[in-house]
Amino acid sequence: MPDDDQLLENAKAPAKVSGDAGSVEQHSLPDQIEVDRYLNSKKAVKRKHRGLRLGKIVPPGTE
């Protein structure tokens, strides 16, 4: 499986290229969006708190 940098480079590179006069076709926008979501979700999972914060609520006067 390719690493994150390789996925990003593949998404930035053209999907098809022809020669002589030149013809370039980019990856479709949904494909590019999907790669971005995938890489951002992998980055979010590596975070320590993952967007959740747990704490204990103690009302005043109960000590």
C-alpha atoms as a PDB file:
ATOM      1  CA  MET A   1       0.000   0.000   0.000  1.00  0.00           C
ATOM      2  CA  PRO A   2       1.421   3.412  -0.920  1.00  0.00           C
ATOM      3  CA  ASP A   3       2.247   5.888   1.804  1.00  0.00           C
ATOM      4  CA  ASP A   4       0.437   9.228   2.270  1.00  0.00           C
ATOM      5  CA  ASP A   5       2.971  11.230   0.270  1.00  0.00           C
ATOM      6  CA  GLN A   6       2.697   8.874  -2.684  1.00  0.00           C
ATOM      7  CA  LEU A   7      -1.114   9.038  -2.614  1.00  0.00           C
ATOM      8  CA  LEU A   8      -0.985  12.828  -2.603  1.00  0.00           C
ATOM      9  CA  GLU A   9       1.487  12.913  -5.507  1.00  0.00           C
ATOM     10  CA  ASN A  10      -0.662  10.475  -7.504  1.00  0.00           C
ATOM     11  CA  ALA A  11      -3.740  12.629  -6.915  1.00  0.00           C
ATOM     12  CA  LYS A  12      -1.874  15.745  -8.104  1.00  0.00           C
ATOM     13  CA  ALA A  13      -0.475  14.037 -11.217  1.00  0.00           C
ATOM     14  CA  PRO A  14      -2.578  13.751 -14.379  1.00  0.00           C
ATOM     15  CA  ALA A  15      -4.646  10.632 -14.928  1.00  0.00           C
ATOM     16  CA  LYS A  16      -3.896  10.451 -18.685  1.00  0.00           C
ATOM     17  CA  VAL A  17      -1.275  12.109 -20.884  1.00  0.00           C
ATOM     18  CA  SER A  18      -0.902  11.903 -24.675  1.00  0.00           C
ATOM     19  CA  GLY A  19       2.067  12.948 -26.761  1.00  0.00           C
ATOM     20  CA  ASP A  20       3.008  15.271 -29.669  1.00  0.00           C
ATOM     21  CA  ALA A  21       0.455  18.131 -29.516  1.00  0.00           C
ATOM     22  CA  GLY A  22      -0.328  17.244 -25.928  1.00  0.00           C
ATOM     23  CA  SER A  23      -3.437  16.072 -24.218  1.00  0.00           C
ATOM     24  CA  VAL A  24      -3.780  15.909 -20.449  1.00  0.00           C
ATOM     25  CA  GLU A  25      -6.662  14.601 -18.385  1.00  0.00           C
ATOM     26  CA  GLN A  26      -6.862  15.226 -14.652  1.00  0.00           C
ATOM     27  CA  HIS A  27      -8.286  12.871 -12.064  1.00  0.00           C
ATOM     28  CA  SER A  28     -11.966  13.508 -11.485  1.00  0.00           C
ATOM     29  CA  LEU A  29     -12.938  15.936  -8.738  1.00  0.00           C
ATOM     30  CA  PRO A  30     -14.760  13.259  -6.667  1.00  0.00           C
ATOM     31  CA  ASP A  31     -11.583  11.134  -6.738  1.00  0.00           C
ATOM     32  CA  GLN A  32      -9.471  14.074  -5.565  1.00  0.00           C
ATOM     33  CA  ILE A  33     -11.948  14.851  -2.785  1.00  0.00           C
ATOM     34  CA  GLU A  34     -11.946  11.209  -1.686  1.00  0.00           C
ATOM     35  CA  VAL A  35      -8.129  11.166  -1.421  1.00  0.00           C
ATOM     36  CA  ASP A  36      -8.244  14.383   0.623  1.00  0.00           C
ATOM     37  CA  ARG A  37     -10.858  12.938   3.002  1.00  0.00           C
ATOM     38  CA  TYR A  38      -8.894   9.724   3.377  1.00  0.00           C
ATOM     39  CA  LEU A  39      -5.625  11.493   4.205  1.00  0.00           C
ATOM     40  CA  ASN A  40      -7.343  13.886   6.639  1.00  0.00           C
ATOM     41  CA  SER A  41      -9.108  11.013   8.411  1.00  0.00           C
ATOM     42  CA  LYS A  42      -5.795   9.170   8.821  1.00  0.00           C
ATOM     43  CA  LYS A  43      -4.268  12.338  10.271  1.00  0.00           C
ATOM     44  CA  ALA A  44      -7.211  12.768  12.680  1.00  0.00           C
ATOM     45  CA  VAL A  45      -6.942   9.199  13.982  1.00  0.00           C
ATOM     46  CA  LYS A  46      -3.288   9.763  14.921  1.00  0.00           C
ATOM     47  CA  ARG A  47      -4.200  12.667  17.231  1.00  0.00           C
ATOM     48  CA  LYS A  48      -4.098  11.997  20.942  1.00  0.00           C
ATOM     49  CA  HIS A  49      -7.638  13.062  21.868  1.00  0.00           C
ATOM     50  CA  ARG A  50      -9.293  12.424  18.497  1.00  0.00           C
ATOM     51  CA  GLY A  51     -11.655  15.350  19.067  1.00  0.00           C
ATOM     52  CA  LEU A  52     -13.094  13.983  22.304  1.00  0.00           C
ATOM     53  CA  ARG A  53     -12.420  15.310  25.724  1.00  0.00           C
ATOM     54  CA  LEU A  54     -13.628  13.473  28.800  1.00  0.00           C
ATOM     55  CA  GLY A  55     -13.899  15.072  32.182  1.00  0.00           C
ATOM     56  CA  LYS A  56     -15.602  14.646  35.520  1.00  0.00           C
ATOM     57  CA  ILE A  57     -18.155  17.279  36.472  1.00  0.00           C
ATOM     58  CA  VAL A  58     -18.507  17.870  40.193  1.00  0.00           C
ATOM     59  CA  PRO A  59     -21.285  20.251  41.248  1.00  0.00           C
ATOM     60  CA  PRO A  60     -20.305  22.806  43.919  1.00  0.00           C
ATOM     61  CA  GLY A  61     -21.078  22.010  47.540  1.00  0.00           C
ATOM     62  CA  THR A  62     -20.937  18.225  47.252  1.00  0.00           C
ATOM     63  CA  GLU A  63     -17.497  17.805  48.776  1.00  0.00           C
END
